[in-house]
Amino acid sequence: MHRGTQEGAMASRLLHRLRHALAGDGPGEAAASPEAEQFPESSELEDDDAEGLSSRLSGTLSFTSAEDDEDEDDEEAGPDQLPLGDGTSGEDAERSPPPDGQRGSQLLARQLQDFWKKSRNTLAPQRLLFEVTSANVVKDPPSKYVLYTLAVMGPGPPDCQPAQISRRYSDFERLHRNLQRQFRGPMAAISFPRKRLRRNFTAETIARRSRAFEQFLGHLQAVPELRHAPDLQDFFVLPELRQAQSLTCTGLYREALALWANAWQLQAQLGTPSGPDRPLLTLAGLAVCHQELEDPGEARACCEKALQLLGDKSLHPLLAPFLEAHVRLSWRLGLDKRQSEARLQALQEAGLTPTPPPSLKELLIKEVLD
C-alpha cells in the first residue's frame, strides 16, 4: 500500500471518529448505552473473524508479522529491558514503511486542525484520538516483540501536528496493571487484550491488539479520574523525554530535537500537567538543541515561552538559566535584553543564583527523569 493511500485512509478514519466524538455518539463516549459502558470489545479480541477485522482496519494499519511457531520468543516471556525505540534502528527489525509522522501527512493535519478549530465552542467534550499507524516485529535476541506506533491528536493548539508514541505490549500491560492497583473501581469496566501463549506475531493477533490498544487508551481518556492519573501521563510522555535527554547528552542534537518537539506536542495534546516541570524541561531541551544547531531565533522563542510559564517564581532552579540564555541569544540577534538582564542581576544580587548561573545544558544533563 502506498504511503499516500495510508495517510488518506488514516485521515478519513480519524475524522470519522472525531465527528462522532464531538457529536457525543461515538463508541468511546461515556454517555453511551449500558453495553457500551461495559466495553465488550474484549470478547471480540479472540472471537472476531479476521476477515471482518481486516476490512475495518484496511488502509489504516500497516504492520509486519512473522507467522512462525517460535512461541518461546513471545514478547511477554522475553526480557523487557530494551529502551523504547532502540529496536527499530537495528538491522534485525522487520519493519513496515515508517508512518512519516515527523514530516507528517499535511492532509491529515490540516483536516484535523480544521475540525478542532470548528469544534472549540461545542458543548461536547473534546477527547484525544488514537490511531495505530504501524506495528513492527522487532528481533533483539533473545527477545522478540511488536512495537506499536500510535498517532495522538487532541484538543491542543490547532496548529499542532499529531504527536506519535511507540510502545510495546509490555508497556501497555504495565500501565493497565498499575492503574488497576490504584483505581480498582473505574478500571473494572475497562477491557485489556489478554496474553497469548502462541501466535503472538501473526497478522491477525497484531491487528486485533492494535484495535484493542486504541480502544483501551480511548476508554482511559473518557474517565476523568483516570485521564489525570500520573501513570497515564508518564506512559505518554516519560519515554520520549528520557530518550531525548539521552540523545542531547551524547551530542545528537538533530535527533534529540525531533523527540523534544514530539514530547512538547504530546503535552499540548494531553492538555493536563504531565509531571512537575516537564514542560519547562522540554523547552530547555528544545532551546539547547536549537542553539547547538545554529538556530538562535527558535532557541530564544523557547526561552520566552519558558519565562512566561515561570512567571514570578524567583526560586525556581530553571529561572536563572533561562534568563541567562535569553540575554545571550537576544544579544546575538540584536534584540532587546534589558528586562531579562535586570531580572537576572536582581537574582544574583539577592544571592538566589550563582554568577554566572548554570547553563540550560548543564541542568538538562543533571536532571533525573522519574
Protein backbone atom coordinates (compact mmCIF):
# COMPACT_ATOMS: atom_id res chain seq x y z
CA MET A 1 0.00 0.00 0.00
CA HIS A 2 1.40 3.38 -0.96
CA ARG A 3 2.14 5.88 1.79
CA GLY A 4 -0.29 8.43 0.31
CA THR A 5 -3.13 5.91 0.44
CA GLN A 6 -2.31 5.06 4.07
CA GLU A 7 -2.22 8.70 5.09
CA GLY A 8 -5.51 9.47 3.34
CA ALA A 9 -7.19 6.49 5.00
CA MET A 10 -5.76 7.46 8.35
CA ALA A 11 -7.15 10.97 7.94
CA SER A 12 -10.58 9.62 6.98
CA ARG A 13 -10.66 7.25 9.94
CA LEU A 14 -9.59 9.87 12.47
CA LEU A 15 -12.01 12.43 11.07
CA HIS A 16 -14.85 9.91 11.23
CA ARG A 17 -14.07 9.29 14.90
CA LEU A 18 -13.79 12.99 15.57
CA ARG A 19 -17.20 13.73 14.10
CA HIS A 20 -18.81 11.10 16.32
CA ALA A 21 -16.85 12.14 19.40
CA LEU A 22 -17.91 15.74 19.01
CA ALA A 23 -21.49 14.72 18.36
CA GLY A 24 -21.46 12.62 21.54
CA ASP A 25 -22.47 9.37 19.80
CA GLY A 26 -19.09 7.79 19.23
CA PRO A 27 -18.04 4.41 20.54
CA GLY A 28 -15.83 5.95 23.23
CA GLU A 29 -18.42 8.25 24.78
CA ALA A 30 -19.01 7.88 28.46
CA ALA A 31 -22.73 8.50 27.98
CA ALA A 32 -23.24 5.51 25.70
CA SER A 33 -25.57 2.59 26.30
CA PRO A 34 -25.04 0.14 29.23
CA GLU A 35 -23.47 -2.35 26.85
CA ALA A 36 -21.01 0.28 25.66
CA GLU A 37 -20.15 1.22 29.23
CA GLN A 38 -19.06 -2.33 29.88
CA PHE A 39 -16.63 -2.11 26.93
CA PRO A 40 -17.44 -5.52 25.41
CA GLU A 41 -14.58 -5.26 22.93
CA SER A 42 -12.59 -7.77 24.98
CA SER A 43 -14.83 -10.54 23.72
CA GLU A 44 -14.00 -9.54 20.18
CA LEU A 45 -10.26 -9.82 20.61
CA GLU A 46 -10.30 -13.57 20.31
CA ASP A 47 -13.59 -14.19 18.51
CA ASP A 48 -13.71 -11.57 15.75
CA ASP A 49 -13.36 -13.10 12.32
CA ALA A 50 -10.06 -11.98 10.84
CA GLU A 51 -11.58 -11.00 7.51
CA GLY A 52 -14.07 -8.57 9.03
CA LEU A 53 -11.44 -7.05 11.29
CA SER A 54 -9.00 -6.58 8.44
CA SER A 55 -11.63 -4.71 6.45
CA ARG A 56 -12.25 -2.33 9.37
CA LEU A 57 -8.52 -1.62 9.62
CA SER A 58 -7.87 -1.53 5.90
CA GLY A 59 -5.78 1.42 4.85
CA THR A 60 -5.15 2.44 8.44
CA LEU A 61 -2.70 -0.02 9.91
CA SER A 62 0.47 -1.25 8.33
CA PHE A 63 2.39 -3.95 10.12
CA THR A 64 4.92 -6.71 9.67
CA SER A 65 4.32 -10.16 11.00
CA ALA A 66 6.23 -13.36 11.44
CA GLU A 67 3.79 -16.23 11.15
CA ASP A 68 6.03 -18.80 12.75
CA ASP A 69 5.81 -21.02 15.79
CA GLU A 70 8.71 -19.52 17.75
CA ASP A 71 6.44 -19.16 20.77
CA GLU A 72 9.33 -19.34 23.19
CA ASP A 73 10.27 -15.87 21.86
CA ASP A 74 6.92 -14.42 22.97
CA GLU A 75 7.32 -10.73 23.79
CA GLU A 76 5.74 -11.24 27.19
CA ALA A 77 8.11 -14.07 28.05
CA GLY A 78 11.31 -12.43 26.86
CA PRO A 79 13.39 -9.72 28.55
CA ASP A 80 11.82 -6.31 28.86
CA GLN A 81 14.97 -4.21 29.13
CA LEU A 82 15.19 -2.72 25.66
CA PRO A 83 14.71 1.06 25.72
CA LEU A 84 11.79 2.26 23.66
CA GLY A 85 12.69 2.96 20.09
CA ASP A 86 16.06 1.22 20.16
CA GLY A 87 14.79 -1.90 18.49
CA THR A 88 13.58 -0.07 15.44
CA SER A 89 17.04 1.00 14.39
CA GLY A 90 18.63 -2.44 14.50
CA GLU A 91 19.34 -4.49 11.41
CA ASP A 92 17.13 -7.31 12.66
CA ALA A 93 13.96 -5.24 12.80
CA GLU A 94 11.33 -6.41 10.33
CA ARG A 95 9.52 -3.20 9.72
CA SER A 96 6.87 -1.59 7.59
CA PRO A 97 7.47 1.81 5.99
CA PRO A 98 7.59 4.45 8.75
CA PRO A 99 4.43 6.49 9.27
CA ASP A 100 6.39 9.62 8.41
CA GLY A 101 4.94 11.30 11.49
CA GLN A 102 7.57 13.99 11.88
CA ARG A 103 7.13 15.24 8.34
CA GLY A 104 3.50 14.33 8.71
CA SER A 105 0.61 13.96 6.37
CA GLN A 106 -0.38 17.51 5.57
CA LEU A 107 -3.83 16.29 4.59
CA LEU A 108 -4.35 14.65 7.99
CA ALA A 109 -3.01 17.63 9.94
CA ARG A 110 -4.98 20.25 8.00
CA GLN A 111 -8.27 18.37 8.19
CA LEU A 112 -7.98 17.53 11.87
CA GLN A 113 -6.87 21.04 12.77
CA ASP A 114 -9.84 22.43 10.84
CA PHE A 115 -12.25 20.23 12.77
CA TRP A 116 -10.69 21.11 16.12
CA LYS A 117 -11.00 24.82 15.30
CA LYS A 118 -14.67 24.45 14.37
CA SER A 119 -15.42 22.40 17.48
CA ARG A 120 -13.86 24.65 20.10
CA ASN A 121 -17.21 26.15 21.11
CA THR A 122 -19.15 22.89 21.07
CA LEU A 123 -20.72 21.57 24.27
CA ALA A 124 -19.47 18.04 23.59
CA PRO A 125 -16.28 17.12 25.47
CA GLN A 126 -13.17 17.01 23.33
CA ARG A 127 -11.23 13.77 23.62
CA LEU A 128 -7.89 12.53 22.45
CA LEU A 129 -7.96 10.35 19.35
CA PHE A 130 -5.60 7.39 18.98
CA GLU A 131 -4.67 5.60 15.78
CA VAL A 132 -2.20 2.72 15.42
CA THR A 133 -0.38 3.63 12.21
CA SER A 134 2.20 0.83 12.16
CA ALA A 135 3.23 -2.27 14.06
CA ASN A 136 6.76 -3.60 13.66
CA VAL A 137 8.05 -7.01 14.74
CA VAL A 138 11.42 -6.35 16.34
CA LYS A 139 14.03 -9.04 16.96
CA ASP A 140 16.65 -8.34 19.59
CA PRO A 141 17.89 -11.79 20.65
CA PRO A 142 16.92 -13.39 22.87
CA SER A 143 13.74 -11.24 22.93
CA LYS A 144 11.25 -10.56 20.20
CA TYR A 145 8.35 -8.14 20.42
CA VAL A 146 5.93 -5.94 18.46
CA LEU A 147 6.41 -2.17 18.55
CA TYR A 148 3.12 -0.31 18.02
CA THR A 149 3.25 3.28 16.76
CA LEU A 150 0.23 5.45 17.56
CA ALA A 151 -0.76 8.88 16.32
CA VAL A 152 -2.21 11.09 19.06
CA MET A 153 -4.49 14.02 18.23
CA GLY A 154 -6.33 16.07 20.78
CA PRO A 155 -7.76 19.46 21.71
CA GLY A 156 -4.42 21.21 21.98
CA PRO A 157 -3.36 24.24 19.94
CA PRO A 158 -4.96 23.97 16.50
CA ASP A 159 -1.61 24.33 14.72
CA CYS A 160 -0.19 21.18 16.36
CA GLN A 161 0.71 18.19 14.20
CA PRO A 162 -0.46 14.82 15.53
CA ALA A 163 2.08 13.56 18.04
CA GLN A 164 3.37 9.99 17.99
CA ILE A 165 4.35 7.37 20.53
CA SER A 166 5.81 3.90 20.07
CA ARG A 167 5.06 1.28 22.72
CA ARG A 168 5.18 -2.50 23.07
CA TYR A 169 2.66 -4.85 24.66
CA SER A 170 4.53 -4.93 27.96
CA ASP A 171 4.28 -1.12 28.24
CA PHE A 172 0.50 -1.25 27.81
CA GLU A 173 0.27 -4.17 30.24
CA ARG A 174 2.33 -2.32 32.87
CA LEU A 175 0.07 0.71 32.55
CA HIS A 176 -3.02 -1.47 32.90
CA ARG A 177 -1.62 -3.24 35.96
CA ASN A 178 -0.60 0.00 37.71
CA LEU A 179 -3.97 1.64 37.08
CA GLN A 180 -5.81 -1.47 38.31
CA ARG A 181 -3.96 -1.26 41.61
CA GLN A 182 -4.77 2.42 42.09
CA PHE A 183 -8.27 2.67 40.55
CA ARG A 184 -9.90 -0.70 41.08
CA GLY A 185 -13.45 0.62 40.61
CA PRO A 186 -13.08 2.63 37.37
CA MET A 187 -10.73 0.03 35.85
CA ALA A 188 -13.19 -2.84 36.41
CA ALA A 189 -15.16 -1.89 33.28
CA ILE A 190 -12.15 -1.33 31.00
CA SER A 191 -11.01 -4.22 28.84
CA PHE A 192 -7.45 -5.17 28.01
CA PRO A 193 -6.20 -7.77 25.50
CA ARG A 194 -5.08 -10.85 27.39
CA LYS A 195 -1.75 -12.55 26.96
CA ARG A 196 -1.40 -15.32 24.43
CA LEU A 197 0.97 -18.25 24.71
CA ARG A 198 1.08 -18.88 20.96
CA ARG A 199 0.99 -16.95 17.69
CA ASN A 200 1.71 -13.52 19.14
CA PHE A 201 3.29 -12.36 15.89
CA THR A 202 0.61 -13.27 13.36
CA ALA A 203 -1.11 -10.57 11.34
CA GLU A 204 -4.45 -11.34 12.97
CA THR A 205 -3.14 -11.00 16.53
CA ILE A 206 -1.27 -7.79 15.74
CA ALA A 207 -4.33 -6.26 14.05
CA ARG A 208 -6.63 -7.19 16.94
CA ARG A 209 -4.24 -5.89 19.55
CA SER A 210 -3.78 -2.66 17.60
CA ARG A 211 -7.51 -2.06 17.63
CA ALA A 212 -7.74 -3.06 21.30
CA PHE A 213 -4.96 -0.63 22.31
CA GLU A 214 -6.74 2.23 20.53
CA GLN A 215 -9.93 1.42 22.44
CA PHE A 216 -8.06 0.91 25.73
CA LEU A 217 -6.45 4.36 25.61
CA GLY A 218 -9.71 5.94 24.44
CA HIS A 219 -11.58 4.43 27.39
CA LEU A 220 -8.95 5.64 29.86
CA GLN A 221 -9.24 9.15 28.45
CA ALA A 222 -13.03 9.01 28.80
CA VAL A 223 -12.84 8.67 32.60
CA PRO A 224 -11.70 11.92 34.30
CA GLU A 225 -10.28 10.09 37.30
CA LEU A 226 -8.06 8.00 35.02
CA ARG A 227 -7.32 10.74 32.49
CA HIS A 228 -5.35 12.73 35.08
CA ALA A 229 -3.59 9.73 36.63
CA PRO A 230 0.22 10.24 36.84
CA ASP A 231 0.84 6.74 35.47
CA LEU A 232 -1.11 7.54 32.31
CA GLN A 233 0.74 10.84 31.87
CA ASP A 234 4.04 9.00 32.34
CA PHE A 235 3.02 6.41 29.75
CA PHE A 236 2.55 9.11 27.12
CA VAL A 237 5.47 11.44 27.83
CA LEU A 238 8.22 9.95 30.01
CA PRO A 239 9.86 7.55 27.49
CA GLU A 240 10.16 10.34 24.90
CA LEU A 241 11.69 12.73 27.44
CA ARG A 242 14.23 10.16 28.59
CA GLN A 243 15.29 9.30 25.07
CA ALA A 244 15.51 12.98 24.08
CA GLN A 245 17.63 13.71 27.15
CA SER A 246 19.96 10.82 26.35
CA LEU A 247 20.46 11.97 22.76
CA THR A 248 21.08 15.55 23.89
CA CYS A 249 23.71 14.42 26.39
CA THR A 250 25.55 12.49 23.67
CA GLY A 251 25.51 15.44 21.26
CA LEU A 252 22.98 14.03 18.77
CA TYR A 253 21.09 17.30 18.69
CA ARG A 254 19.16 16.87 15.45
CA GLU A 255 17.76 13.51 16.53
CA ALA A 256 17.07 14.86 20.01
CA LEU A 257 15.28 17.92 18.61
CA ALA A 258 12.68 15.74 16.89
CA LEU A 259 11.98 13.91 20.15
CA TRP A 260 11.78 17.09 22.24
CA ALA A 261 9.37 18.57 19.68
CA ASN A 262 7.23 15.43 19.75
CA ALA A 263 7.22 15.46 23.57
CA TRP A 264 6.08 19.10 23.52
CA GLN A 265 3.26 18.21 21.12
CA LEU A 266 2.22 15.29 23.33
CA GLN A 267 2.00 17.54 26.38
CA ALA A 268 0.00 20.09 24.39
CA GLN A 269 -2.40 17.38 23.18
CA LEU A 270 -2.84 15.91 26.65
CA GLY A 271 -3.81 19.32 28.00
CA THR A 272 -3.01 18.28 31.58
CA PRO A 273 0.24 18.55 33.58
CA SER A 274 2.46 15.59 32.70
CA GLY A 275 4.64 15.95 35.77
CA PRO A 276 6.48 18.58 37.76
CA ASP A 277 8.47 20.90 35.49
CA ARG A 278 8.24 18.62 32.45
CA PRO A 279 7.04 21.39 30.10
CA LEU A 280 9.95 23.55 31.30
CA LEU A 281 12.39 20.69 30.85
CA THR A 282 11.06 20.12 27.34
CA LEU A 283 11.52 23.79 26.47
CA ALA A 284 15.06 23.62 27.87
CA GLY A 285 15.80 20.66 25.60
CA LEU A 286 14.34 22.47 22.59
CA ALA A 287 16.33 25.63 23.37
CA VAL A 288 19.61 23.72 23.76
CA CYS A 289 19.15 21.76 20.53
CA HIS A 290 18.12 24.82 18.50
CA GLN A 291 21.11 26.70 19.84
CA GLU A 292 23.54 23.88 19.05
CA LEU A 293 22.07 23.62 15.55
CA GLU A 294 22.64 27.35 14.96
CA ASP A 295 19.03 28.45 15.16
CA PRO A 296 19.16 31.21 17.79
CA GLY A 297 15.75 32.62 16.88
CA GLU A 298 13.93 29.39 17.74
CA ALA A 299 16.08 28.91 20.84
CA ARG A 300 15.16 32.40 22.07
CA ALA A 301 11.46 31.74 21.40
CA CYS A 302 11.65 28.61 23.58
CA CYS A 303 13.25 30.66 26.36
CA GLU A 304 10.46 33.23 26.14
CA LYS A 305 7.80 30.52 26.44
CA ALA A 306 9.57 29.13 29.48
CA LEU A 307 9.83 32.56 31.13
CA GLN A 308 6.09 33.03 30.60
CA LEU A 309 5.41 29.69 32.30
CA LEU A 310 7.75 30.55 35.18
CA GLY A 311 6.12 33.90 35.86
CA ASP A 312 7.39 35.31 39.15
CA LYS A 313 8.80 32.05 40.54
CA SER A 314 12.08 33.60 41.59
CA LEU A 315 13.21 30.48 43.48
CA HIS A 316 12.77 28.07 40.60
CA PRO A 317 16.12 26.47 39.64
CA LEU A 318 15.43 26.89 35.91
CA LEU A 319 14.65 30.61 36.06
CA ALA A 320 18.23 31.94 36.07
CA PRO A 321 19.43 29.55 33.32
CA PHE A 322 16.52 30.57 31.08
CA LEU A 323 17.18 34.28 31.79
CA GLU A 324 20.89 33.87 31.04
CA ALA A 325 20.15 32.05 27.77
CA HIS A 326 17.56 34.67 26.80
CA VAL A 327 20.03 37.53 27.43
CA ARG A 328 22.77 35.84 25.43
CA LEU A 329 20.51 34.93 22.49
CA SER A 330 18.92 38.41 22.44
CA TRP A 331 22.38 40.00 22.30
CA ARG A 332 23.32 37.68 19.43
CA LEU A 333 20.17 38.60 17.49
CA GLY A 334 20.36 42.30 18.30
CA LEU A 335 17.07 42.23 20.24
CA ASP A 336 16.08 43.90 23.48
CA LYS A 337 17.54 42.09 26.50
CA ARG A 338 17.20 44.73 29.21
CA GLN A 339 14.28 43.22 31.10
CA SER A 340 15.81 39.75 31.32
CA GLU A 341 19.21 41.22 32.14
CA ALA A 342 17.78 43.30 35.02
CA ARG A 343 15.86 40.33 36.37
CA LEU A 344 18.92 38.09 36.27
CA GLN A 345 21.03 40.75 38.01
CA ALA A 346 18.41 41.05 40.77
CA LEU A 347 18.54 37.29 41.37
CA GLN A 348 22.33 37.38 41.59
CA GLU A 349 22.37 40.34 43.98
CA ALA A 350 19.85 38.57 46.20
CA GLY A 351 22.08 35.50 46.29
CA LEU A 352 19.42 33.33 44.66
CA THR A 353 21.69 32.15 41.86
CA PRO A 354 25.46 31.95 41.35
CA THR A 355 27.37 34.20 38.98
CA PRO A 356 27.37 33.03 36.28
CA PRO A 357 24.29 30.76 36.62
CA PRO A 358 24.40 27.17 35.38
CA SER A 359 23.57 26.75 31.72
CA LEU A 360 20.42 25.06 30.46
CA LYS A 361 22.55 22.27 29.04
CA GLU A 362 24.20 21.61 32.41
CA LEU A 363 20.86 21.38 34.17
CA LEU A 364 19.44 19.21 31.40
CA ILE A 365 22.27 16.69 31.76
CA LYS A 366 21.93 16.53 35.55
CA GLU A 367 18.13 16.25 35.60
CA VAL A 368 16.84 12.87 36.74
CA LEU A 369 13.63 11.91 34.95
CA ASP A 370 11.39 9.65 37.01
